[in-house]
Amino acid sequence: MPALKEDFTKEDPWRIFRIMSEFVEGFEELSDIKEAVSIFGSAKALRTSKFYKMAMATAGMLARSGYAVITGAGPGIMEAANKGAREAGGESIGLNILIPTIQEPNKYVTRLLEFKYFFCRKVMFAKYSKAFVAFPGGYGTCDEFFEMITLIQTKRIEPFPIILVGQSFWKGLVQWIRQTLLTNNTIDKIDLSIFKVVDTPQEAVSAINRFYRK
């Protein structure tokens, strides 16, 4: 007796429907967001850490300036940013990712979307953000950072502020970009101007405001 064909819902084509639904839901839910800033950083940041406090302050300043704040909805820096935005009376948006380690959305999110696919989630960050602010983080933070500078470098999206907060944390990466990528002609000198490194919430928010005053 021939073996039964595997249920088609387990095949790759079925995933197209899940991907479509994530895009449709994201576009519908966020369509009214006109001015937003995405804040990234480590999920492992402690509430007592200086960068947690700085992320909270940055988000509060952005909310008071009229920006919605978007994060990955998780703990650490993401929680700090959502908390700062919410306590300042701003829109506090969380784009949660469904992964095996289970990331619970933090309690300061006022508008929550959940995604299975990282690339769908990235599209939402890019489409609805007027700026990216990255605090110290791991692979996920670096992934978002390089994704955005690549899109700007290749002119797939219009330039907008990309800001790294914490000179001491990011200096090794920036030095490698300058001494390895630039020296070996894998990037152009102008590509170094795509992002900016600052040390304080005030500098981060001022850089965003200056960009849009131009």
C-alpha atoms as a PDB file:
ATOM      1  CA  MET A   1       0.000   0.000   0.000  1.00  0.00           C
ATOM      2  CA  PRO A   2       1.570   3.346  -1.010  1.00  0.00           C
ATOM      3  CA  ALA A   3       2.444   5.771   1.758  1.00  0.00           C
ATOM      4  CA  LEU A   4       0.045   8.647   2.270  1.00  0.00           C
ATOM      5  CA  LYS A   5       1.302  11.988   1.093  1.00  0.00           C
ATOM      6  CA  GLU A   6       2.370  14.274   3.924  1.00  0.00           C
ATOM      7  CA  ASP A   7      -0.217  16.835   5.001  1.00  0.00           C
ATOM      8  CA  PHE A   8       0.313  19.855   2.746  1.00  0.00           C
ATOM      9  CA  THR A   9       0.063  22.207   5.723  1.00  0.00           C
ATOM     10  CA  LYS A  10       3.518  20.992   6.764  1.00  0.00           C
ATOM     11  CA  GLU A  11       5.035  21.945   3.436  1.00  0.00           C
ATOM     12  CA  ASP A  12       6.813  25.218   2.709  1.00  0.00           C
ATOM     13  CA  PRO A  13       4.078  26.689   0.447  1.00  0.00           C
ATOM     14  CA  TRP A  14       1.692  26.726   3.417  1.00  0.00           C
ATOM     15  CA  ARG A  15       4.025  29.131   5.188  1.00  0.00           C
ATOM     16  CA  ILE A  16       3.200  31.768   2.599  1.00  0.00           C
ATOM     17  CA  PHE A  17      -0.201  32.240   4.230  1.00  0.00           C
ATOM     18  CA  ARG A  18       1.363  32.803   7.672  1.00  0.00           C
ATOM     19  CA  ILE A  19       3.852  35.262   6.185  1.00  0.00           C
ATOM     20  CA  MET A  20       1.077  37.133   4.372  1.00  0.00           C
ATOM     21  CA  SER A  21      -0.997  37.321   7.533  1.00  0.00           C
ATOM     22  CA  GLU A  22       1.907  38.790   9.501  1.00  0.00           C
ATOM     23  CA  PHE A  23       2.425  41.499   6.891  1.00  0.00           C
ATOM     24  CA  VAL A  24      -1.281  42.297   6.623  1.00  0.00           C
ATOM     25  CA  GLU A  25      -1.783  42.457  10.385  1.00  0.00           C
ATOM     26  CA  GLY A  26       1.326  44.582  10.844  1.00  0.00           C
ATOM     27  CA  PHE A  27       0.397  47.072   8.133  1.00  0.00           C
ATOM     28  CA  GLU A  28      -3.173  47.368   9.391  1.00  0.00           C
ATOM     29  CA  GLU A  29      -2.255  47.732  13.051  1.00  0.00           C
ATOM     30  CA  LEU A  30       0.534  50.276  12.518  1.00  0.00           C
ATOM     31  CA  SER A  31      -0.918  52.269   9.620  1.00  0.00           C
ATOM     32  CA  ASP A  32      -1.767  55.207  11.888  1.00  0.00           C
ATOM     33  CA  ILE A  33       1.794  55.516  13.218  1.00  0.00           C
ATOM     34  CA  LYS A  34       3.372  58.536  11.535  1.00  0.00           C
ATOM     35  CA  GLU A  35       6.258  59.483  13.843  1.00  0.00           C
ATOM     36  CA  ALA A  36       8.033  56.665  15.679  1.00  0.00           C
ATOM     37  CA  VAL A  37      11.521  55.739  16.844  1.00  0.00           C
ATOM     38  CA  SER A  38      12.665  52.146  17.329  1.00  0.00           C
ATOM     39  CA  ILE A  39      14.885  51.402  20.321  1.00  0.00           C
ATOM     40  CA  PHE A  40      17.006  48.258  20.485  1.00  0.00           C
ATOM     41  CA  GLY A  41      19.310  46.704  23.067  1.00  0.00           C
ATOM     42  CA  SER A  42      20.015  43.679  25.199  1.00  0.00           C
ATOM     43  CA  ALA A  43      17.172  41.680  26.709  1.00  0.00           C
ATOM     44  CA  LYS A  44      19.609  40.839  29.518  1.00  0.00           C
ATOM     45  CA  ALA A  45      20.120  44.407  30.742  1.00  0.00           C
ATOM     46  CA  LEU A  46      19.329  44.671  34.444  1.00  0.00           C
ATOM     47  CA  ARG A  47      16.917  47.291  35.728  1.00  0.00           C
ATOM     48  CA  THR A  48      19.739  48.685  37.858  1.00  0.00           C
ATOM     49  CA  SER A  49      22.113  49.112  34.908  1.00  0.00           C
ATOM     50  CA  LYS A  50      22.982  52.543  33.577  1.00  0.00           C
ATOM     51  CA  PHE A  51      21.905  51.639  30.057  1.00  0.00           C
ATOM     52  CA  TYR A  52      18.457  50.521  31.278  1.00  0.00           C
ATOM     53  CA  LYS A  53      18.045  53.917  32.905  1.00  0.00           C
ATOM     54  CA  MET A  54      19.381  55.697  29.823  1.00  0.00           C
ATOM     55  CA  ALA A  55      17.011  53.811  27.518  1.00  0.00           C
ATOM     56  CA  MET A  56      14.098  54.730  29.754  1.00  0.00           C
ATOM     57  CA  ALA A  57      15.147  58.390  29.743  1.00  0.00           C
ATOM     58  CA  THR A  58      15.642  58.410  25.966  1.00  0.00           C
ATOM     59  CA  ALA A  59      12.200  56.942  25.354  1.00  0.00           C
ATOM     60  CA  GLY A  60      10.617  59.439  27.727  1.00  0.00           C
ATOM     61  CA  MET A  61      12.236  62.349  25.916  1.00  0.00           C
ATOM     62  CA  LEU A  62      11.132  60.989  22.549  1.00  0.00           C
ATOM     63  CA  ALA A  63       7.555  60.496  23.764  1.00  0.00           C
ATOM     64  CA  ARG A  64       7.429  64.061  25.055  1.00  0.00           C
ATOM     65  CA  SER A  65       8.700  65.198  21.649  1.00  0.00           C
ATOM     66  CA  GLY A  66       5.722  63.512  20.000  1.00  0.00           C
ATOM     67  CA  TYR A  67       7.276  60.231  18.890  1.00  0.00           C
ATOM     68  CA  ALA A  68       5.845  56.786  19.430  1.00  0.00           C
ATOM     69  CA  VAL A  69       8.429  54.283  20.677  1.00  0.00           C
ATOM     70  CA  ILE A  70       8.768  50.836  19.115  1.00  0.00           C
ATOM     71  CA  THR A  71      10.725  47.958  20.665  1.00  0.00           C
ATOM     72  CA  GLY A  72      10.969  44.198  20.381  1.00  0.00           C
ATOM     73  CA  ALA A  73       8.563  43.979  23.371  1.00  0.00           C
ATOM     74  CA  GLY A  74      10.895  41.927  25.556  1.00  0.00           C
ATOM     75  CA  PRO A  75      12.752  42.571  28.827  1.00  0.00           C
ATOM     76  CA  GLY A  76      15.942  44.554  29.430  1.00  0.00           C
ATOM     77  CA  ILE A  77      16.482  47.585  27.208  1.00  0.00           C
ATOM     78  CA  MET A  78      13.192  46.919  25.435  1.00  0.00           C
ATOM     79  CA  GLU A  79      11.288  47.037  28.709  1.00  0.00           C
ATOM     80  CA  ALA A  80      13.107  50.218  29.705  1.00  0.00           C
ATOM     81  CA  ALA A  81      12.154  51.956  26.464  1.00  0.00           C
ATOM     82  CA  ASN A  82       8.515  50.879  26.657  1.00  0.00           C
ATOM     83  CA  LYS A  83       8.378  51.967  30.282  1.00  0.00           C
ATOM     84  CA  GLY A  84       9.885  55.369  29.548  1.00  0.00           C
ATOM     85  CA  ALA A  85       7.467  56.001  26.685  1.00  0.00           C
ATOM     86  CA  ARG A  86       4.414  54.859  28.618  1.00  0.00           C
ATOM     87  CA  GLU A  87       5.230  56.858  31.741  1.00  0.00           C
ATOM     88  CA  ALA A  88       5.721  59.950  29.574  1.00  0.00           C
ATOM     89  CA  GLY A  89       2.246  59.464  28.106  1.00  0.00           C
ATOM     90  CA  GLY A  90       3.428  58.278  24.705  1.00  0.00           C
ATOM     91  CA  GLU A  91       2.571  55.357  22.472  1.00  0.00           C
ATOM     92  CA  SER A  92       4.537  52.294  23.604  1.00  0.00           C
ATOM     93  CA  ILE A  93       4.608  49.672  20.842  1.00  0.00           C
ATOM     94  CA  GLY A  94       6.019  46.157  21.098  1.00  0.00           C
ATOM     95  CA  LEU A  95       6.776  43.809  18.191  1.00  0.00           C
ATOM     96  CA  ASN A  96       7.227  40.497  19.954  1.00  0.00           C
ATOM     97  CA  ILE A  97       8.969  37.526  18.315  1.00  0.00           C
ATOM     98  CA  LEU A  98       7.763  33.977  18.893  1.00  0.00           C
ATOM     99  CA  ILE A  99      10.900  31.900  19.479  1.00  0.00           C
ATOM    100  CA  PRO A 100      11.597  28.604  21.275  1.00  0.00           C
ATOM    101  CA  THR A 101      13.078  30.367  24.309  1.00  0.00           C
ATOM    102  CA  ILE A 102       9.741  32.193  24.763  1.00  0.00           C
ATOM    103  CA  GLN A 103       9.965  35.956  25.073  1.00  0.00           C
ATOM    104  CA  GLU A 104       7.159  37.307  27.221  1.00  0.00           C
ATOM    105  CA  PRO A 105       6.053  40.849  26.277  1.00  0.00           C
ATOM    106  CA  ASN A 106       6.857  43.372  28.972  1.00  0.00           C
ATOM    107  CA  LYS A 107       3.985  45.001  30.862  1.00  0.00           C
ATOM    108  CA  TYR A 108       4.672  48.518  29.562  1.00  0.00           C
ATOM    109  CA  VAL A 109       3.612  47.811  25.974  1.00  0.00           C
ATOM    110  CA  THR A 110       0.387  49.596  25.042  1.00  0.00           C
ATOM    111  CA  ARG A 111       0.125  48.114  21.547  1.00  0.00           C
ATOM    112  CA  LEU A 112       1.391  44.589  20.874  1.00  0.00           C
ATOM    113  CA  LEU A 113       1.979  42.597  17.696  1.00  0.00           C
ATOM    114  CA  GLU A 114       3.472  39.107  17.578  1.00  0.00           C
ATOM    115  CA  PHE A 115       5.570  37.615  14.794  1.00  0.00           C
ATOM    116  CA  LYS A 116       6.882  34.175  13.961  1.00  0.00           C
ATOM    117  CA  TYR A 117       9.193  35.398  11.228  1.00  0.00           C
ATOM    118  CA  PHE A 118      12.052  37.781  11.965  1.00  0.00           C
ATOM    119  CA  PHE A 119      12.020  39.251   8.463  1.00  0.00           C
ATOM    120  CA  CYS A 120       8.353  40.270   8.716  1.00  0.00           C
ATOM    121  CA  ARG A 121       9.099  41.958  12.026  1.00  0.00           C
ATOM    122  CA  LYS A 122      12.101  43.773  10.548  1.00  0.00           C
ATOM    123  CA  VAL A 123       9.935  45.219   7.790  1.00  0.00           C
ATOM    124  CA  MET A 124       7.664  46.761  10.424  1.00  0.00           C
ATOM    125  CA  PHE A 125      10.611  48.316  12.262  1.00  0.00           C
ATOM    126  CA  ALA A 126      11.968  49.790   9.029  1.00  0.00           C
ATOM    127  CA  LYS A 127       8.656  50.973   7.576  1.00  0.00           C
ATOM    128  CA  TYR A 128       7.314  52.780  10.626  1.00  0.00           C
ATOM    129  CA  SER A 129      10.475  54.239  12.176  1.00  0.00           C
ATOM    130  CA  LYS A 130      11.884  57.717  11.718  1.00  0.00           C
ATOM    131  CA  ALA A 131      15.075  56.726  13.559  1.00  0.00           C
ATOM    132  CA  PHE A 132      16.844  53.761  15.155  1.00  0.00           C
ATOM    133  CA  VAL A 133      18.529  54.004  18.547  1.00  0.00           C
ATOM    134  CA  ALA A 134      20.650  51.023  19.568  1.00  0.00           C
ATOM    135  CA  PHE A 135      21.874  50.537  23.116  1.00  0.00           C
ATOM    136  CA  PRO A 136      24.425  47.830  24.010  1.00  0.00           C
ATOM    137  CA  GLY A 137      23.123  44.454  22.923  1.00  0.00           C
ATOM    138  CA  GLY A 138      23.982  41.127  21.350  1.00  0.00           C
ATOM    139  CA  TYR A 139      23.458  39.458  17.998  1.00  0.00           C
ATOM    140  CA  GLY A 140      19.878  40.693  17.631  1.00  0.00           C
ATOM    141  CA  THR A 141      20.825  44.323  18.198  1.00  0.00           C
ATOM    142  CA  CYS A 142      23.770  44.057  15.801  1.00  0.00           C
ATOM    143  CA  ASP A 143      21.538  42.361  13.246  1.00  0.00           C
ATOM    144  CA  GLU A 144      19.074  45.250  13.300  1.00  0.00           C
ATOM    145  CA  PHE A 145      21.899  47.783  13.135  1.00  0.00           C
ATOM    146  CA  PHE A 146      23.589  46.212  10.106  1.00  0.00           C
ATOM    147  CA  GLU A 147      20.277  45.579   8.365  1.00  0.00           C
ATOM    148  CA  MET A 148      19.379  49.257   8.514  1.00  0.00           C
ATOM    149  CA  ILE A 149      22.758  50.659   7.522  1.00  0.00           C
ATOM    150  CA  THR A 150      22.782  48.223   4.587  1.00  0.00           C
ATOM    151  CA  LEU A 151      19.355  49.400   3.422  1.00  0.00           C
ATOM    152  CA  ILE A 152      20.505  53.027   3.576  1.00  0.00           C
ATOM    153  CA  GLN A 153      23.860  52.288   1.956  1.00  0.00           C
ATOM    154  CA  THR A 154      22.168  50.525  -0.956  1.00  0.00           C
ATOM    155  CA  LYS A 155      19.497  53.249  -1.206  1.00  0.00           C
ATOM    156  CA  ARG A 156      16.663  50.827  -0.608  1.00  0.00           C
ATOM    157  CA  ILE A 157      15.250  53.236   1.980  1.00  0.00           C
ATOM    158  CA  GLU A 158      15.617  56.966   2.550  1.00  0.00           C
ATOM    159  CA  PRO A 159      18.338  57.936   5.054  1.00  0.00           C
ATOM    160  CA  PHE A 160      17.254  58.446   8.651  1.00  0.00           C
ATOM    161  CA  PRO A 161      19.148  58.708  11.957  1.00  0.00           C
ATOM    162  CA  ILE A 162      20.822  55.525  13.161  1.00  0.00           C
ATOM    163  CA  ILE A 163      22.343  56.085  16.570  1.00  0.00           C
ATOM    164  CA  LEU A 164      24.494  53.852  18.744  1.00  0.00           C
ATOM    165  CA  VAL A 165      24.448  54.782  22.432  1.00  0.00           C
ATOM    166  CA  GLY A 166      27.556  54.031  24.506  1.00  0.00           C
ATOM    167  CA  GLN A 167      30.953  55.006  23.098  1.00  0.00           C
ATOM    168  CA  SER A 168      32.821  52.549  25.314  1.00  0.00           C
ATOM    169  CA  PHE A 169      30.638  49.605  24.280  1.00  0.00           C
ATOM    170  CA  TRP A 170      30.597  50.267  20.534  1.00  0.00           C
ATOM    171  CA  LYS A 171      34.153  51.548  20.019  1.00  0.00           C
ATOM    172  CA  GLY A 172      35.557  48.109  19.154  1.00  0.00           C
ATOM    173  CA  LEU A 173      32.973  47.558  16.440  1.00  0.00           C
ATOM    174  CA  VAL A 174      33.396  51.073  15.042  1.00  0.00           C
ATOM    175  CA  GLN A 175      37.182  50.664  15.057  1.00  0.00           C
ATOM    176  CA  TRP A 176      36.854  47.371  13.161  1.00  0.00           C
ATOM    177  CA  ILE A 177      34.588  49.018  10.593  1.00  0.00           C
ATOM    178  CA  ARG A 178      37.125  51.787  10.079  1.00  0.00           C
ATOM    179  CA  GLN A 179      40.315  49.749  10.194  1.00  0.00           C
ATOM    180  CA  THR A 180      39.132  46.600   8.438  1.00  0.00           C
ATOM    181  CA  LEU A 181      36.175  47.366   6.193  1.00  0.00           C
ATOM    182  CA  LEU A 182      37.263  50.841   5.102  1.00  0.00           C
ATOM    183  CA  THR A 183      40.965  49.959   4.831  1.00  0.00           C
ATOM    184  CA  ASN A 184      40.146  46.974   2.627  1.00  0.00           C
ATOM    185  CA  ASN A 185      37.820  49.055   0.449  1.00  0.00           C
ATOM    186  CA  THR A 186      34.760  46.959   1.237  1.00  0.00           C
ATOM    187  CA  ILE A 187      32.889  50.158   2.138  1.00  0.00           C
ATOM    188  CA  ASP A 188      33.313  53.792   1.096  1.00  0.00           C
ATOM    189  CA  LYS A 189      34.280  56.571   3.477  1.00  0.00           C
ATOM    190  CA  ILE A 190      30.859  58.157   3.100  1.00  0.00           C
ATOM    191  CA  ASP A 191      29.304  54.975   4.512  1.00  0.00           C
ATOM    192  CA  LEU A 192      30.744  55.881   7.909  1.00  0.00           C
ATOM    193  CA  SER A 193      28.343  58.822   8.052  1.00  0.00           C
ATOM    194  CA  ILE A 194      25.277  56.567   7.959  1.00  0.00           C
ATOM    195  CA  PHE A 195      25.379  56.118  11.724  1.00  0.00           C
ATOM    196  CA  LYS A 196      26.392  58.166  14.745  1.00  0.00           C
ATOM    197  CA  VAL A 197      27.741  57.179  18.175  1.00  0.00           C
ATOM    198  CA  VAL A 198      26.701  59.154  21.268  1.00  0.00           C
ATOM    199  CA  ASP A 199      26.915  58.820  25.032  1.00  0.00           C
ATOM    200  CA  THR A 200      23.743  60.353  26.462  1.00  0.00           C
ATOM    201  CA  PRO A 201      19.975  60.337  25.912  1.00  0.00           C
ATOM    202  CA  GLN A 202      20.111  64.068  25.247  1.00  0.00           C
ATOM    203  CA  GLU A 203      22.640  63.569  22.440  1.00  0.00           C
ATOM    204  CA  ALA A 204      20.548  60.809  20.893  1.00  0.00           C
ATOM    205  CA  VAL A 205      17.327  62.830  20.875  1.00  0.00           C
ATOM    206  CA  SER A 206      19.123  65.997  19.729  1.00  0.00           C
ATOM    207  CA  ALA A 207      20.646  64.112  16.784  1.00  0.00           C
ATOM    208  CA  ILE A 208      17.178  62.982  15.696  1.00  0.00           C
ATOM    209  CA  ASN A 209      15.678  66.450  16.078  1.00  0.00           C
ATOM    210  CA  ARG A 210      18.570  68.062  14.174  1.00  0.00           C
ATOM    211  CA  PHE A 211      18.185  65.611  11.310  1.00  0.00           C
ATOM    212  CA  TYR A 212      14.526  66.474  10.813  1.00  0.00           C
ATOM    213  CA  ARG A 213      15.015  70.223  11.278  1.00  0.00           C
ATOM    214  CA  LYS A 214      17.186  70.102   8.141  1.00  0.00           C
END
